[in-house]
Amino acid sequence: MQAKIALIMGSKSDWATMEAAAEIMDKLGVAYHVEVVSAHRTPVKLAEFAESAVERGFKVIIGGAGGAAHLPGMVAAHTRLPVLGVPVQSKALNGMDSLLSIAQMPKGVAVGTLAIGTAGAFNAGLLACQILANEDAELAQRIDSFRDEQTDTVLANPDPREA
């Protein structure tokens, strides 16, 4: 199956966060490509990756980065594809630096910014799948089933004191 989602991150250490995006894509049966693409250490690779993303068949790019977190914005500057940015929690400022770096894009270069950390990564994976589901009825049904399962779990366990 051809991967339609690219899951990229600024460094190997970001995988601990970005793995949550892979988790939901695996659950929903969506193929994805994973690669480290650093905005600062491999800027030429970043530009080449983003500029070739459409011809490689990607429909959505998820970019996770911490600290200065330039990866999602720089990728967005080089492609017309939707880019979802995941702020990786940093040690210095607990991820606020990452969040602000990704969210504060200049007018005309859009990046959809998710929450800091694994919740944001998971939701980026889910959102990427929802984007693809606009043109994939089977995937849309799997997403509906996932949401129904979440609802059923909450309704079946109304008392928070019970395990």
Protein backbone atom coordinates (compact mmCIF):
# COMPACT_ATOMS: atom_id res chain seq x y z
CA MET A 1 0.00 0.00 0.00
CA GLN A 2 1.33 3.41 -1.01
CA ALA A 3 1.95 5.68 1.98
CA LYS A 4 -0.13 8.86 1.71
CA ILE A 5 1.06 10.33 5.00
CA ALA A 6 4.64 11.34 5.72
CA LEU A 7 5.56 11.29 9.41
CA ILE A 8 8.77 13.25 9.81
CA MET A 9 10.66 14.57 12.78
CA GLY A 10 13.68 16.70 13.50
CA SER A 11 15.71 14.05 15.32
CA LYS A 12 15.64 10.40 16.28
CA SER A 13 14.82 11.33 19.88
CA ASP A 14 11.50 12.82 18.69
CA TRP A 15 10.25 9.29 17.89
CA ALA A 16 9.27 8.80 21.56
CA THR A 17 6.61 11.48 20.96
CA MET A 18 5.82 10.89 17.29
CA GLU A 19 5.23 7.19 17.79
CA ALA A 20 1.76 8.16 19.07
CA ALA A 21 0.87 9.33 15.54
CA ALA A 22 1.99 5.97 14.19
CA GLU A 23 -0.13 4.21 16.82
CA ILE A 24 -3.44 5.64 15.58
CA MET A 25 -2.50 5.27 11.91
CA ASP A 26 -1.68 1.61 12.56
CA LYS A 27 -5.00 1.16 14.37
CA LEU A 28 -6.86 2.71 11.43
CA GLY A 29 -4.88 0.71 8.86
CA VAL A 30 -3.30 3.70 7.13
CA ALA A 31 0.14 3.36 5.55
CA TYR A 32 2.70 6.05 6.37
CA HIS A 33 6.33 6.87 5.73
CA VAL A 34 8.65 7.68 8.66
CA GLU A 35 11.89 9.67 8.36
CA VAL A 36 14.15 12.01 10.30
CA VAL A 37 14.44 15.30 8.41
CA SER A 38 16.19 18.02 10.39
CA ALA A 39 15.51 21.66 9.57
CA HIS A 40 18.87 22.69 11.01
CA ARG A 41 21.17 19.72 10.43
CA THR A 42 19.89 18.69 6.97
CA PRO A 43 18.27 21.77 5.41
CA VAL A 44 18.91 20.65 1.83
CA LYS A 45 17.34 17.25 2.56
CA LEU A 46 14.35 19.05 4.09
CA ALA A 47 13.81 21.18 0.99
CA GLU A 48 14.21 18.18 -1.34
CA PHE A 49 11.83 16.09 0.76
CA ALA A 50 9.13 18.77 0.84
CA GLU A 51 9.49 19.70 -2.83
CA SER A 52 9.16 16.05 -3.93
CA ALA A 53 6.35 15.12 -1.51
CA VAL A 54 3.52 15.60 -4.01
CA GLU A 55 5.17 13.52 -6.73
CA ARG A 56 5.95 10.83 -4.13
CA GLY A 57 2.21 10.49 -3.54
CA PHE A 58 1.92 12.01 -0.08
CA LYS A 59 -1.34 13.82 0.73
CA VAL A 60 -0.50 15.05 4.25
CA ILE A 61 2.75 15.66 6.13
CA ILE A 62 3.04 15.43 9.90
CA GLY A 63 6.14 17.16 11.23
CA GLY A 64 7.28 16.88 14.83
CA ALA A 65 10.00 19.07 16.28
CA GLY A 66 11.18 20.47 19.59
CA GLY A 67 12.93 23.61 20.75
CA ALA A 68 13.23 26.03 17.85
CA ALA A 69 10.88 23.63 16.01
CA HIS A 70 11.37 25.01 12.51
CA LEU A 71 10.69 21.70 10.73
CA PRO A 72 6.92 22.00 10.11
CA GLY A 73 7.10 25.62 8.96
CA MET A 74 10.06 25.07 6.67
CA VAL A 75 8.39 22.01 5.14
CA ALA A 76 5.20 24.04 4.61
CA ALA A 77 7.24 26.72 2.85
CA HIS A 78 8.35 24.11 0.29
CA THR A 79 5.08 22.26 -0.46
CA ARG A 80 1.38 22.87 -1.10
CA LEU A 81 0.42 19.83 0.97
CA PRO A 82 -1.23 20.26 4.36
CA VAL A 83 1.39 20.17 7.12
CA LEU A 84 0.42 19.27 10.66
CA GLY A 85 2.95 20.43 13.25
CA VAL A 86 3.52 18.59 16.52
CA PRO A 87 5.43 20.47 19.23
CA VAL A 88 7.74 18.00 20.96
CA GLN A 89 8.08 18.66 24.68
CA SER A 90 11.46 20.24 25.39
CA LYS A 91 13.42 20.19 28.62
CA ALA A 92 14.22 23.88 28.67
CA LEU A 93 10.72 25.35 28.38
CA ASN A 94 8.52 22.24 28.67
CA GLY A 95 7.44 22.46 25.02
CA MET A 96 6.14 26.03 25.06
CA ASP A 97 9.07 27.05 22.86
CA SER A 98 8.17 24.31 20.39
CA LEU A 99 4.48 25.24 20.43
CA LEU A 100 5.10 28.92 19.79
CA SER A 101 7.66 28.21 17.07
CA ILE A 102 5.16 26.08 15.18
CA ALA A 103 2.01 28.12 15.85
CA GLN A 104 3.46 31.55 15.00
CA MET A 105 3.65 31.13 11.24
CA PRO A 106 3.59 34.21 9.04
CA LYS A 107 0.49 34.95 7.00
CA GLY A 108 0.52 32.90 3.82
CA VAL A 109 2.42 29.84 5.09
CA ALA A 110 -0.04 27.62 6.94
CA VAL A 111 0.79 24.91 9.47
CA GLY A 112 -1.93 23.19 11.48
CA THR A 113 -0.56 23.12 15.02
CA LEU A 114 -1.48 20.40 17.48
CA ALA A 115 -0.98 20.09 21.24
CA ILE A 116 2.42 19.61 22.86
CA GLY A 117 3.63 16.03 23.19
CA THR A 118 2.07 12.63 22.63
CA ALA A 119 -1.55 13.86 22.69
CA GLY A 120 -0.69 16.24 19.87
CA ALA A 121 1.12 13.51 17.94
CA PHE A 122 -1.79 11.10 18.31
CA ASN A 123 -4.25 13.77 17.21
CA ALA A 124 -2.03 14.71 14.26
CA GLY A 125 -2.14 11.09 13.11
CA LEU A 126 -5.90 11.02 13.58
CA LEU A 127 -6.39 14.36 11.80
CA ALA A 128 -4.24 13.21 8.87
CA CYS A 129 -6.44 10.11 8.58
CA GLN A 130 -9.57 12.27 8.75
CA ILE A 131 -8.23 14.36 5.86
CA LEU A 132 -7.66 11.21 3.80
CA ALA A 133 -11.11 9.89 4.76
CA ASN A 134 -12.70 12.70 2.74
CA GLU A 135 -11.86 10.59 -0.32
CA ASP A 136 -11.82 7.10 1.23
CA ALA A 137 -15.18 5.74 2.42
CA GLU A 138 -13.64 2.64 4.02
CA LEU A 139 -11.25 4.74 6.08
CA ALA A 140 -14.14 7.03 7.04
CA GLN A 141 -16.00 3.98 8.37
CA ARG A 142 -12.96 2.88 10.40
CA ILE A 143 -12.72 6.36 11.92
CA ASP A 144 -16.43 6.28 12.77
CA SER A 145 -15.91 2.90 14.46
CA PHE A 146 -12.93 4.25 16.42
CA ARG A 147 -15.02 7.18 17.65
CA ASP A 148 -17.91 4.87 18.55
CA GLU A 149 -15.50 2.68 20.57
CA GLN A 150 -14.30 5.74 22.50
CA THR A 151 -17.89 6.73 23.27
CA ASP A 152 -18.84 3.21 24.34
CA THR A 153 -15.82 3.00 26.66
CA VAL A 154 -16.77 6.22 28.42
CA LEU A 155 -20.45 5.28 28.71
CA ALA A 156 -19.59 1.81 30.04
CA ASN A 157 -17.42 3.30 32.80
CA PRO A 158 -19.28 6.30 34.28
CA ASP A 159 -17.85 5.93 37.80
CA PRO A 160 -14.22 7.14 37.83
CA ARG A 161 -13.54 5.23 41.05
CA GLU A 162 -13.99 1.87 39.33
CA ALA A 163 -11.21 0.24 37.37
